[in-house]
């Protein structure tokens, strides 16, 4: 089974993540940060990865540690669930429109973490959510998931739409990349023989 459970406890946060790569996009995410929960729900729904996340953090300070540490734990869970990555497609990409926003995401489950980010958000906050934390989440996810990830805003003026389009675009790209490739069987998708 391509599933994983990761727990991460620090002086700032206590997080548990359960995922199933071969799910149907079911989700139950509770971090105490409403907008972030909504984005995690989009990530699960559009990747078809079943996801259950529980996070408690020092929200009396701000949302930063909770969002970043959730990205760390989710990245670790993805890496664990993928194992040696035999039989996966490895690459995924999506061009996703959402009203005024158009976001492109492309990724490689290479084991080599790298984030290219050209998704500036026009406003410093989305409701009460700090817009900078969108990038912090994806940085943590890419780093701890071993993902080369490119996220680009091509159009958009509404920060909520742009952020949501980013989560959905990454989700669709992730869905494509983690899928098993019926033409490759049990092969590791690399000429090196390992990822």
C-alpha atoms as a PDB file:
ATOM      1  CA  UNK A   1       0.000   0.000   0.000  1.00  0.00           C
ATOM      2  CA  UNK A   2       1.209   3.461  -0.894  1.00  0.00           C
ATOM      3  CA  UNK A   3       0.266   5.151   2.339  1.00  0.00           C
ATOM      4  CA  UNK A   4       2.101   6.757   5.234  1.00  0.00           C
ATOM      5  CA  UNK A   5       1.608   8.258   8.662  1.00  0.00           C
ATOM      6  CA  UNK A   6       3.989  10.880  10.027  1.00  0.00           C
ATOM      7  CA  UNK A   7       3.988  12.546  13.433  1.00  0.00           C
ATOM      8  CA  UNK A   8       6.039  15.633  14.194  1.00  0.00           C
ATOM      9  CA  UNK A   9       6.203  17.215  17.632  1.00  0.00           C
ATOM     10  CA  UNK A  10       8.267  20.252  18.538  1.00  0.00           C
ATOM     11  CA  UNK A  11       8.080  22.945  21.200  1.00  0.00           C
ATOM     12  CA  UNK A  12       5.977  24.933  18.699  1.00  0.00           C
ATOM     13  CA  UNK A  13       3.703  22.379  17.022  1.00  0.00           C
ATOM     14  CA  UNK A  14       2.232  18.891  17.301  1.00  0.00           C
ATOM     15  CA  UNK A  15       1.263  17.475  13.905  1.00  0.00           C
ATOM     16  CA  UNK A  16       0.061  14.154  12.537  1.00  0.00           C
ATOM     17  CA  UNK A  17      -0.405  13.425   8.839  1.00  0.00           C
ATOM     18  CA  UNK A  18      -2.006  10.347   7.263  1.00  0.00           C
ATOM     19  CA  UNK A  19      -2.092   9.962   3.485  1.00  0.00           C
ATOM     20  CA  UNK A  20      -3.034   7.342   0.917  1.00  0.00           C
ATOM     21  CA  UNK A  21      -1.709   7.972  -2.590  1.00  0.00           C
ATOM     22  CA  UNK A  22      -4.291   5.617  -4.090  1.00  0.00           C
ATOM     23  CA  UNK A  23      -7.283   7.278  -2.510  1.00  0.00           C
ATOM     24  CA  UNK A  24     -10.200   9.225  -3.904  1.00  0.00           C
ATOM     25  CA  UNK A  25      -9.358  12.677  -2.546  1.00  0.00           C
ATOM     26  CA  UNK A  26     -11.083  12.296   0.819  1.00  0.00           C
ATOM     27  CA  UNK A  27      -9.915  14.801   3.406  1.00  0.00           C
ATOM     28  CA  UNK A  28     -10.239  15.693   7.058  1.00  0.00           C
ATOM     29  CA  UNK A  29      -7.809  18.503   7.803  1.00  0.00           C
ATOM     30  CA  UNK A  30      -7.823  20.466  11.048  1.00  0.00           C
ATOM     31  CA  UNK A  31      -4.950  22.841  11.716  1.00  0.00           C
ATOM     32  CA  UNK A  32      -6.724  25.658  13.516  1.00  0.00           C
ATOM     33  CA  UNK A  33      -6.040  27.933  10.529  1.00  0.00           C
ATOM     34  CA  UNK A  34      -9.253  28.187   8.513  1.00  0.00           C
ATOM     35  CA  UNK A  35      -7.914  29.366   5.155  1.00  0.00           C
ATOM     36  CA  UNK A  36      -5.051  26.862   5.325  1.00  0.00           C
ATOM     37  CA  UNK A  37      -7.480  24.006   6.033  1.00  0.00           C
ATOM     38  CA  UNK A  38      -9.435  25.076   2.938  1.00  0.00           C
ATOM     39  CA  UNK A  39      -6.236  24.963   0.860  1.00  0.00           C
ATOM     40  CA  UNK A  40      -5.245  21.530   2.244  1.00  0.00           C
ATOM     41  CA  UNK A  41      -8.729  20.272   1.371  1.00  0.00           C
ATOM     42  CA  UNK A  42      -8.163  21.472  -2.217  1.00  0.00           C
ATOM     43  CA  UNK A  43      -4.779  19.760  -2.293  1.00  0.00           C
ATOM     44  CA  UNK A  44      -6.333  16.436  -1.262  1.00  0.00           C
ATOM     45  CA  UNK A  45      -9.427  16.689  -3.445  1.00  0.00           C
ATOM     46  CA  UNK A  46      -7.606  17.546  -6.657  1.00  0.00           C
ATOM     47  CA  UNK A  47      -4.638  15.197  -6.174  1.00  0.00           C
ATOM     48  CA  UNK A  48      -6.965  12.286  -5.265  1.00  0.00           C
ATOM     49  CA  UNK A  49      -4.676  11.669  -2.288  1.00  0.00           C
ATOM     50  CA  UNK A  50      -6.660  10.835   0.839  1.00  0.00           C
ATOM     51  CA  UNK A  51      -5.421  13.155   3.557  1.00  0.00           C
ATOM     52  CA  UNK A  52      -6.019  13.513   7.275  1.00  0.00           C
ATOM     53  CA  UNK A  53      -4.060  16.214   9.070  1.00  0.00           C
ATOM     54  CA  UNK A  54      -4.239  17.246  12.698  1.00  0.00           C
ATOM     55  CA  UNK A  55      -2.137  20.168  13.847  1.00  0.00           C
ATOM     56  CA  UNK A  56      -1.962  22.191  17.009  1.00  0.00           C
ATOM     57  CA  UNK A  57       0.495  25.011  17.154  1.00  0.00           C
ATOM     58  CA  UNK A  58       1.432  28.301  18.767  1.00  0.00           C
ATOM     59  CA  UNK A  59      -1.295  30.224  16.966  1.00  0.00           C
ATOM     60  CA  UNK A  60      -1.222  32.833  19.743  1.00  0.00           C
ATOM     61  CA  UNK A  61       2.073  33.937  18.150  1.00  0.00           C
ATOM     62  CA  UNK A  62       1.042  33.543  14.502  1.00  0.00           C
ATOM     63  CA  UNK A  63       0.267  30.840  11.928  1.00  0.00           C
ATOM     64  CA  UNK A  64       3.816  30.486  10.624  1.00  0.00           C
ATOM     65  CA  UNK A  65       5.038  27.449  12.585  1.00  0.00           C
ATOM     66  CA  UNK A  66       1.801  25.531  12.064  1.00  0.00           C
ATOM     67  CA  UNK A  67       1.774  26.072   8.301  1.00  0.00           C
ATOM     68  CA  UNK A  68       5.484  25.407   7.782  1.00  0.00           C
ATOM     69  CA  UNK A  69       5.588  22.324  10.025  1.00  0.00           C
ATOM     70  CA  UNK A  70       2.514  20.907   8.305  1.00  0.00           C
ATOM     71  CA  UNK A  71       4.381  21.268   5.015  1.00  0.00           C
ATOM     72  CA  UNK A  72       7.359  19.451   6.520  1.00  0.00           C
ATOM     73  CA  UNK A  73       5.251  16.558   7.818  1.00  0.00           C
ATOM     74  CA  UNK A  74       3.227  16.275   4.601  1.00  0.00           C
ATOM     75  CA  UNK A  75       6.409  16.244   2.521  1.00  0.00           C
ATOM     76  CA  UNK A  76       7.859  13.493   4.723  1.00  0.00           C
ATOM     77  CA  UNK A  77       4.641  11.483   4.384  1.00  0.00           C
ATOM     78  CA  UNK A  78       4.706  11.795   0.590  1.00  0.00           C
ATOM     79  CA  UNK A  79       8.326  10.640   0.443  1.00  0.00           C
ATOM     80  CA  UNK A  80       7.580   7.697   2.726  1.00  0.00           C
ATOM     81  CA  UNK A  81       4.446   6.653   0.803  1.00  0.00           C
ATOM     82  CA  UNK A  82       6.336   6.770  -2.513  1.00  0.00           C
ATOM     83  CA  UNK A  83       9.086   4.487  -1.214  1.00  0.00           C
ATOM     84  CA  UNK A  84      11.620   3.769  -3.963  1.00  0.00           C
ATOM     85  CA  UNK A  85       9.193   5.257  -6.535  1.00  0.00           C
ATOM     86  CA  UNK A  86       8.983   2.147  -8.681  1.00  0.00           C
ATOM     87  CA  UNK A  87       6.349   2.346 -11.386  1.00  0.00           C
ATOM     88  CA  UNK A  88       5.345   6.003 -10.932  1.00  0.00           C
ATOM     89  CA  UNK A  89       5.082   8.551 -13.713  1.00  0.00           C
ATOM     90  CA  UNK A  90       7.451  10.846 -11.745  1.00  0.00           C
ATOM     91  CA  UNK A  91       6.608  14.095 -13.575  1.00  0.00           C
ATOM     92  CA  UNK A  92       3.451  16.162 -13.455  1.00  0.00           C
ATOM     93  CA  UNK A  93       2.279  19.543 -14.679  1.00  0.00           C
ATOM     94  CA  UNK A  94      -0.902  21.601 -14.682  1.00  0.00           C
ATOM     95  CA  UNK A  95      -2.036  24.913 -16.098  1.00  0.00           C
ATOM     96  CA  UNK A  96      -4.950  25.889 -13.876  1.00  0.00           C
ATOM     97  CA  UNK A  97      -7.401  28.758 -14.377  1.00  0.00           C
ATOM     98  CA  UNK A  98      -9.531  30.093 -11.538  1.00  0.00           C
ATOM     99  CA  UNK A  99     -11.474  33.203 -12.484  1.00  0.00           C
ATOM    100  CA  UNK A 100      -8.869  35.982 -12.887  1.00  0.00           C
ATOM    101  CA  UNK A 101      -5.992  33.702 -11.849  1.00  0.00           C
ATOM    102  CA  UNK A 102      -3.941  31.444 -14.081  1.00  0.00           C
ATOM    103  CA  UNK A 103      -1.260  29.376 -12.334  1.00  0.00           C
ATOM    104  CA  UNK A 104       1.207  26.890 -13.771  1.00  0.00           C
ATOM    105  CA  UNK A 105       2.721  24.132 -11.636  1.00  0.00           C
ATOM    106  CA  UNK A 106       5.268  21.570 -12.778  1.00  0.00           C
ATOM    107  CA  UNK A 107       7.040  19.044 -10.595  1.00  0.00           C
ATOM    108  CA  UNK A 108       9.476  16.162 -10.577  1.00  0.00           C
ATOM    109  CA  UNK A 109       9.504  13.588  -7.770  1.00  0.00           C
ATOM    110  CA  UNK A 110      13.263  13.434  -8.252  1.00  0.00           C
ATOM    111  CA  UNK A 111      14.449  13.277  -4.656  1.00  0.00           C
ATOM    112  CA  UNK A 112      16.223  16.590  -5.369  1.00  0.00           C
ATOM    113  CA  UNK A 113      14.304  19.355  -3.581  1.00  0.00           C
ATOM    114  CA  UNK A 114      14.149  22.693  -5.344  1.00  0.00           C
ATOM    115  CA  UNK A 115      11.501  25.403  -5.460  1.00  0.00           C
ATOM    116  CA  UNK A 116      11.121  27.984  -8.216  1.00  0.00           C
ATOM    117  CA  UNK A 117       8.443  30.451  -7.142  1.00  0.00           C
ATOM    118  CA  UNK A 118       7.095  33.338  -9.224  1.00  0.00           C
ATOM    119  CA  UNK A 119       3.728  33.531  -7.504  1.00  0.00           C
ATOM    120  CA  UNK A 120       3.683  36.889  -5.798  1.00  0.00           C
ATOM    121  CA  UNK A 121       0.386  37.616  -4.079  1.00  0.00           C
ATOM    122  CA  UNK A 122      -0.919  41.192  -4.430  1.00  0.00           C
ATOM    123  CA  UNK A 123      -2.112  41.558  -0.826  1.00  0.00           C
ATOM    124  CA  UNK A 124      -0.267  40.859   2.439  1.00  0.00           C
ATOM    125  CA  UNK A 125      -3.260  38.976   3.866  1.00  0.00           C
ATOM    126  CA  UNK A 126      -6.055  36.731   2.636  1.00  0.00           C
ATOM    127  CA  UNK A 127      -8.659  37.372   5.295  1.00  0.00           C
ATOM    128  CA  UNK A 128      -6.585  36.862   8.439  1.00  0.00           C
ATOM    129  CA  UNK A 129      -4.070  34.553   6.713  1.00  0.00           C
ATOM    130  CA  UNK A 130      -0.539  35.857   6.038  1.00  0.00           C
ATOM    131  CA  UNK A 131       0.001  35.583   2.264  1.00  0.00           C
ATOM    132  CA  UNK A 132       3.729  34.838   2.726  1.00  0.00           C
ATOM    133  CA  UNK A 133       2.812  31.491   4.276  1.00  0.00           C
ATOM    134  CA  UNK A 134       1.679  30.078   0.934  1.00  0.00           C
ATOM    135  CA  UNK A 135       5.303  30.057  -0.200  1.00  0.00           C
ATOM    136  CA  UNK A 136       6.506  28.807   3.206  1.00  0.00           C
ATOM    137  CA  UNK A 137       4.208  25.791   2.924  1.00  0.00           C
ATOM    138  CA  UNK A 138       5.374  24.858  -0.565  1.00  0.00           C
ATOM    139  CA  UNK A 139       9.025  25.383   0.380  1.00  0.00           C
ATOM    140  CA  UNK A 140       8.637  22.929   3.259  1.00  0.00           C
ATOM    141  CA  UNK A 141       6.660  20.460   1.118  1.00  0.00           C
ATOM    142  CA  UNK A 142       9.237  20.475  -1.688  1.00  0.00           C
ATOM    143  CA  UNK A 143      12.223  20.282   0.655  1.00  0.00           C
ATOM    144  CA  UNK A 144      10.950  17.396   2.777  1.00  0.00           C
ATOM    145  CA  UNK A 145       9.177  15.598  -0.065  1.00  0.00           C
ATOM    146  CA  UNK A 146      12.258  15.644  -2.291  1.00  0.00           C
ATOM    147  CA  UNK A 147      10.317  17.478  -4.991  1.00  0.00           C
ATOM    148  CA  UNK A 148      11.573  19.801  -7.712  1.00  0.00           C
ATOM    149  CA  UNK A 149       8.651  22.220  -7.872  1.00  0.00           C
ATOM    150  CA  UNK A 150       7.965  25.197 -10.120  1.00  0.00           C
ATOM    151  CA  UNK A 151       4.941  27.413  -9.398  1.00  0.00           C
ATOM    152  CA  UNK A 152       4.246  30.449 -11.570  1.00  0.00           C
ATOM    153  CA  UNK A 153       1.492  33.049 -11.576  1.00  0.00           C
ATOM    154  CA  UNK A 154       0.726  33.884 -15.184  1.00  0.00           C
ATOM    155  CA  UNK A 155      -2.320  36.072 -14.468  1.00  0.00           C
ATOM    156  CA  UNK A 156      -4.360  37.183 -11.506  1.00  0.00           C
ATOM    157  CA  UNK A 157      -5.230  40.071  -9.210  1.00  0.00           C
ATOM    158  CA  UNK A 158      -7.245  38.388  -6.437  1.00  0.00           C
ATOM    159  CA  UNK A 159      -4.945  36.866  -3.803  1.00  0.00           C
ATOM    160  CA  UNK A 160      -7.475  34.234  -2.723  1.00  0.00           C
ATOM    161  CA  UNK A 161      -7.951  33.052  -6.311  1.00  0.00           C
ATOM    162  CA  UNK A 162      -4.200  33.000  -6.995  1.00  0.00           C
ATOM    163  CA  UNK A 163      -3.390  31.038  -3.818  1.00  0.00           C
ATOM    164  CA  UNK A 164      -6.205  28.561  -4.388  1.00  0.00           C
ATOM    165  CA  UNK A 165      -5.192  28.099  -8.015  1.00  0.00           C
ATOM    166  CA  UNK A 166      -1.656  27.338  -6.814  1.00  0.00           C
ATOM    167  CA  UNK A 167      -2.825  24.615  -4.429  1.00  0.00           C
ATOM    168  CA  UNK A 168      -5.084  23.109  -7.084  1.00  0.00           C
ATOM    169  CA  UNK A 169      -2.391  23.254  -9.779  1.00  0.00           C
ATOM    170  CA  UNK A 170       0.161  21.557  -7.533  1.00  0.00           C
ATOM    171  CA  UNK A 171      -2.483  18.980  -6.590  1.00  0.00           C
ATOM    172  CA  UNK A 172      -3.216  18.113 -10.227  1.00  0.00           C
ATOM    173  CA  UNK A 173       0.495  17.913 -11.037  1.00  0.00           C
ATOM    174  CA  UNK A 174       1.050  15.699  -7.993  1.00  0.00           C
ATOM    175  CA  UNK A 175      -1.834  13.460  -9.022  1.00  0.00           C
ATOM    176  CA  UNK A 176      -0.189  12.886 -12.396  1.00  0.00           C
ATOM    177  CA  UNK A 177       3.296  12.319 -10.948  1.00  0.00           C
ATOM    178  CA  UNK A 178       2.339   9.769  -8.258  1.00  0.00           C
ATOM    179  CA  UNK A 179       0.148   7.701 -10.586  1.00  0.00           C
ATOM    180  CA  UNK A 180       1.469   4.328 -11.600  1.00  0.00           C
ATOM    181  CA  UNK A 181       2.583   4.078 -15.191  1.00  0.00           C
ATOM    182  CA  UNK A 182       1.079   0.952 -16.787  1.00  0.00           C
ATOM    183  CA  UNK A 183       3.793   0.936 -19.454  1.00  0.00           C
ATOM    184  CA  UNK A 184       6.687   0.899 -16.970  1.00  0.00           C
ATOM    185  CA  UNK A 185       5.537  -1.799 -14.590  1.00  0.00           C
ATOM    186  CA  UNK A 186       7.864  -1.958 -11.612  1.00  0.00           C
ATOM    187  CA  UNK A 187      10.714   0.104 -13.078  1.00  0.00           C
ATOM    188  CA  UNK A 188      12.225   3.129 -11.345  1.00  0.00           C
ATOM    189  CA  UNK A 189      11.622   6.064 -13.704  1.00  0.00           C
ATOM    190  CA  UNK A 190      15.276   7.024 -14.083  1.00  0.00           C
ATOM    191  CA  UNK A 191      18.249   5.876 -16.172  1.00  0.00           C
ATOM    192  CA  UNK A 192      20.181   5.855 -12.892  1.00  0.00           C
ATOM    193  CA  UNK A 193      17.991   3.066 -11.573  1.00  0.00           C
ATOM    194  CA  UNK A 194      17.247   4.995  -8.378  1.00  0.00           C
ATOM    195  CA  UNK A 195      15.595   8.235  -7.320  1.00  0.00           C
END
